[in-house]
């Protein structure tokens, strides 16, 4: 017999509020899917049409739970409907707060911050410090060039130990894949 545990799923993605509607819709839908499955969504705590804001709105609209970890500097753009919002003074503390206790990490298109968080979690996985599932939601083929770079880096010996992430095309595919990865036999 299998059951699903209550999971904390980190969602990372662009913080800009000038994103194409496809990206925003995908993040919102993933938030709704997370709520349906009873997962707690953890984001950077931003609001609006950013990836983080949309994912949070999706989770909350579906009756789910969401929490944020935000830099003090960005307090003014916090998502005001979050019941749990941890405020940090440095990027390093914020990142540690995002990763701590997360059962999975889902990355949507983003910029430097998203790439930084993805790089950190992949380095942690490659070096055996975490084994959380990592998914890239490849909306509009956004991650195609990055995946090609990872493949080349692996072929040329810069990366080892297999690919520490999976690529999915839609938020529903991400939720379904995570559900299967987070399922565990009863009693374990």
Protein backbone atom coordinates (compact mmCIF):
# COMPACT_ATOMS: atom_id res chain seq x y z
CA UNK A 1 0.00 0.00 0.00
CA UNK A 2 1.24 3.48 -0.86
CA UNK A 3 0.28 6.86 0.49
CA UNK A 4 1.40 10.37 -0.23
CA UNK A 5 3.19 12.29 2.44
CA UNK A 6 2.64 15.96 3.05
CA UNK A 7 5.51 17.52 1.19
CA UNK A 8 7.16 20.92 1.07
CA UNK A 9 7.83 21.81 -2.56
CA UNK A 10 10.18 24.67 -3.34
CA UNK A 11 9.17 26.66 -6.41
CA UNK A 12 11.75 28.93 -7.99
CA UNK A 13 11.34 31.17 -11.01
CA UNK A 14 11.43 34.71 -12.27
CA UNK A 15 10.54 37.56 -9.94
CA UNK A 16 9.76 40.05 -12.69
CA UNK A 17 6.17 41.16 -13.14
CA UNK A 18 6.73 41.64 -16.90
CA UNK A 19 6.61 37.97 -17.86
CA UNK A 20 4.75 36.40 -20.76
CA UNK A 21 1.33 35.10 -19.77
CA UNK A 22 2.33 31.48 -20.56
CA UNK A 23 4.89 31.51 -17.75
CA UNK A 24 2.49 33.05 -15.24
CA UNK A 25 -0.32 30.62 -16.12
CA UNK A 26 2.01 27.65 -15.78
CA UNK A 27 3.17 28.74 -12.31
CA UNK A 28 -0.43 29.39 -11.20
CA UNK A 29 -1.51 25.97 -12.44
CA UNK A 30 1.36 24.25 -10.64
CA UNK A 31 0.29 26.00 -7.44
CA UNK A 32 -3.25 24.69 -7.93
CA UNK A 33 -1.94 21.18 -8.58
CA UNK A 34 0.19 21.36 -5.42
CA UNK A 35 -2.85 22.40 -3.39
CA UNK A 36 -4.87 19.47 -4.80
CA UNK A 37 -2.19 17.11 -3.57
CA UNK A 38 -1.90 18.71 -0.13
CA UNK A 39 1.66 19.93 -0.61
CA UNK A 40 2.98 23.08 1.01
CA UNK A 41 4.41 25.42 -1.59
CA UNK A 42 7.53 27.39 -0.61
CA UNK A 43 8.58 30.38 -2.69
CA UNK A 44 10.66 33.51 -2.44
CA UNK A 45 7.61 35.29 -1.06
CA UNK A 46 6.97 37.70 -3.94
CA UNK A 47 3.59 38.86 -5.16
CA UNK A 48 1.93 39.76 -8.42
CA UNK A 49 2.54 38.22 -11.81
CA UNK A 50 5.98 36.92 -10.93
CA UNK A 51 6.46 33.15 -11.02
CA UNK A 52 6.50 33.08 -7.23
CA UNK A 53 3.40 35.26 -6.89
CA UNK A 54 1.48 33.24 -9.47
CA UNK A 55 2.42 29.90 -7.88
CA UNK A 56 1.39 31.21 -4.46
CA UNK A 57 -1.90 32.54 -5.85
CA UNK A 58 -2.56 29.17 -7.48
CA UNK A 59 -1.92 27.28 -4.25
CA UNK A 60 -4.06 29.61 -2.17
CA UNK A 61 -6.89 29.65 -4.74
CA UNK A 62 -6.95 25.86 -4.50
CA UNK A 63 -7.22 25.95 -0.70
CA UNK A 64 -3.59 24.96 -0.26
CA UNK A 65 -0.74 26.10 1.90
CA UNK A 66 2.06 28.41 0.85
CA UNK A 67 5.00 29.93 2.66
CA UNK A 68 7.69 32.35 1.66
CA UNK A 69 11.29 33.17 2.44
CA UNK A 70 12.05 36.75 1.42
CA UNK A 71 14.92 39.18 1.66
CA UNK A 72 14.32 42.13 3.99
CA UNK A 73 15.22 44.39 1.06
CA UNK A 74 12.13 43.15 -0.83
CA UNK A 75 9.64 43.40 2.04
CA UNK A 76 7.58 45.95 0.11
CA UNK A 77 6.85 43.43 -2.66
CA UNK A 78 5.95 40.53 -0.38
CA UNK A 79 2.88 38.44 -1.04
CA UNK A 80 0.46 39.75 1.57
CA UNK A 81 -1.71 36.62 1.69
CA UNK A 82 1.09 34.38 2.95
CA UNK A 83 0.51 33.22 6.51
CA UNK A 84 4.11 32.13 6.86
CA UNK A 85 6.78 34.53 5.66
CA UNK A 86 10.36 34.30 6.89
CA UNK A 87 12.43 37.46 6.44
CA UNK A 88 16.19 37.15 5.87
CA UNK A 89 18.94 39.74 5.69
CA UNK A 90 21.23 38.00 3.18
CA UNK A 91 20.92 35.95 0.03
CA UNK A 92 22.76 33.06 1.69
CA UNK A 93 20.29 32.90 4.59
CA UNK A 94 17.35 33.21 2.24
CA UNK A 95 18.60 30.36 0.10
CA UNK A 96 19.24 28.19 3.15
CA UNK A 97 15.69 28.92 4.30
CA UNK A 98 14.28 28.01 0.91
CA UNK A 99 16.13 24.68 0.78
CA UNK A 100 15.80 23.65 4.45
CA UNK A 101 13.29 20.83 4.80
CA UNK A 102 12.15 20.96 1.18
CA UNK A 103 11.14 17.58 -0.21
CA UNK A 104 11.42 18.63 -3.86
CA UNK A 105 12.40 21.62 -5.98
CA UNK A 106 10.56 22.78 -9.09
CA UNK A 107 12.16 25.38 -11.33
CA UNK A 108 10.26 27.58 -13.74
CA UNK A 109 11.86 30.00 -16.20
CA UNK A 110 13.76 32.79 -14.51
CA UNK A 111 16.91 34.86 -14.46
CA UNK A 112 20.09 35.06 -12.42
CA UNK A 113 18.43 34.25 -9.08
CA UNK A 114 16.72 31.17 -10.48
CA UNK A 115 19.96 30.01 -12.08
CA UNK A 116 21.81 30.58 -8.78
CA UNK A 117 19.29 28.49 -6.82
CA UNK A 118 19.27 25.76 -9.46
CA UNK A 119 23.08 25.65 -9.52
CA UNK A 120 23.26 25.36 -5.75
CA UNK A 121 20.76 22.53 -5.46
CA UNK A 122 22.35 20.62 -8.34
CA UNK A 123 25.80 21.00 -6.76
CA UNK A 124 24.37 19.75 -3.45
CA UNK A 125 22.89 16.74 -5.27
CA UNK A 126 26.04 15.97 -7.23
CA UNK A 127 28.09 16.00 -4.02
CA UNK A 128 25.67 13.86 -2.03
CA UNK A 129 24.29 16.52 0.34
CA UNK A 130 20.68 16.11 -0.78
CA UNK A 131 18.62 13.70 -2.81
CA UNK A 132 15.50 15.78 -3.36
CA UNK A 133 13.87 15.51 -6.78
CA UNK A 134 14.54 18.51 -9.02
CA UNK A 135 12.26 19.28 -11.94
CA UNK A 136 12.61 21.92 -14.64
CA UNK A 137 9.25 22.98 -16.09
CA UNK A 138 10.23 23.73 -19.66
CA UNK A 139 7.55 26.25 -20.60
CA UNK A 140 8.00 27.46 -24.19
CA UNK A 141 11.27 25.47 -24.43
CA UNK A 142 12.91 27.95 -22.06
CA UNK A 143 15.38 25.46 -20.57
CA UNK A 144 16.43 23.84 -23.87
CA UNK A 145 19.73 25.79 -24.14
CA UNK A 146 20.57 25.12 -20.49
CA UNK A 147 19.87 21.39 -20.84
CA UNK A 148 22.10 21.33 -23.94
CA UNK A 149 24.85 23.00 -21.90
CA UNK A 150 24.45 20.41 -19.10
CA UNK A 151 24.71 17.59 -21.66
CA UNK A 152 27.90 19.06 -23.09
CA UNK A 153 29.37 19.61 -19.64
CA UNK A 154 28.65 15.96 -18.84
CA UNK A 155 30.17 14.68 -22.10
CA UNK A 156 33.30 16.72 -21.49
CA UNK A 157 33.74 15.48 -17.91
CA UNK A 158 32.71 18.56 -15.95
CA UNK A 159 29.62 16.89 -14.48
CA UNK A 160 29.33 13.37 -13.17
CA UNK A 161 26.92 11.01 -11.47
CA UNK A 162 24.12 11.17 -14.01
CA UNK A 163 21.61 13.93 -14.50
CA UNK A 164 20.37 15.22 -11.14
CA UNK A 165 17.17 16.74 -12.56
CA UNK A 166 14.27 15.91 -14.84
CA UNK A 167 12.69 18.08 -17.50
CA UNK A 168 8.91 18.20 -17.88
CA UNK A 169 6.82 20.21 -20.31
CA UNK A 170 3.79 21.27 -18.27
CA UNK A 171 2.79 22.04 -14.69
CA UNK A 172 0.47 19.03 -14.69
CA UNK A 173 3.33 16.77 -15.80
CA UNK A 174 5.48 18.26 -13.02
CA UNK A 175 2.80 17.58 -10.39
CA UNK A 176 2.22 14.03 -11.61
CA UNK A 177 5.93 13.25 -11.69
CA UNK A 178 6.47 14.69 -8.22
CA UNK A 179 3.52 12.72 -6.89
CA UNK A 180 5.14 9.51 -8.09
CA UNK A 181 8.54 10.52 -6.72
CA UNK A 182 7.12 11.52 -3.34
CA UNK A 183 4.99 8.40 -2.94
CA UNK A 184 6.42 5.95 -0.50
CA UNK A 185 5.38 2.59 0.88
CA UNK A 186 3.19 2.80 3.99
CA UNK A 187 5.11 2.35 7.22
CA UNK A 188 8.35 3.81 5.90
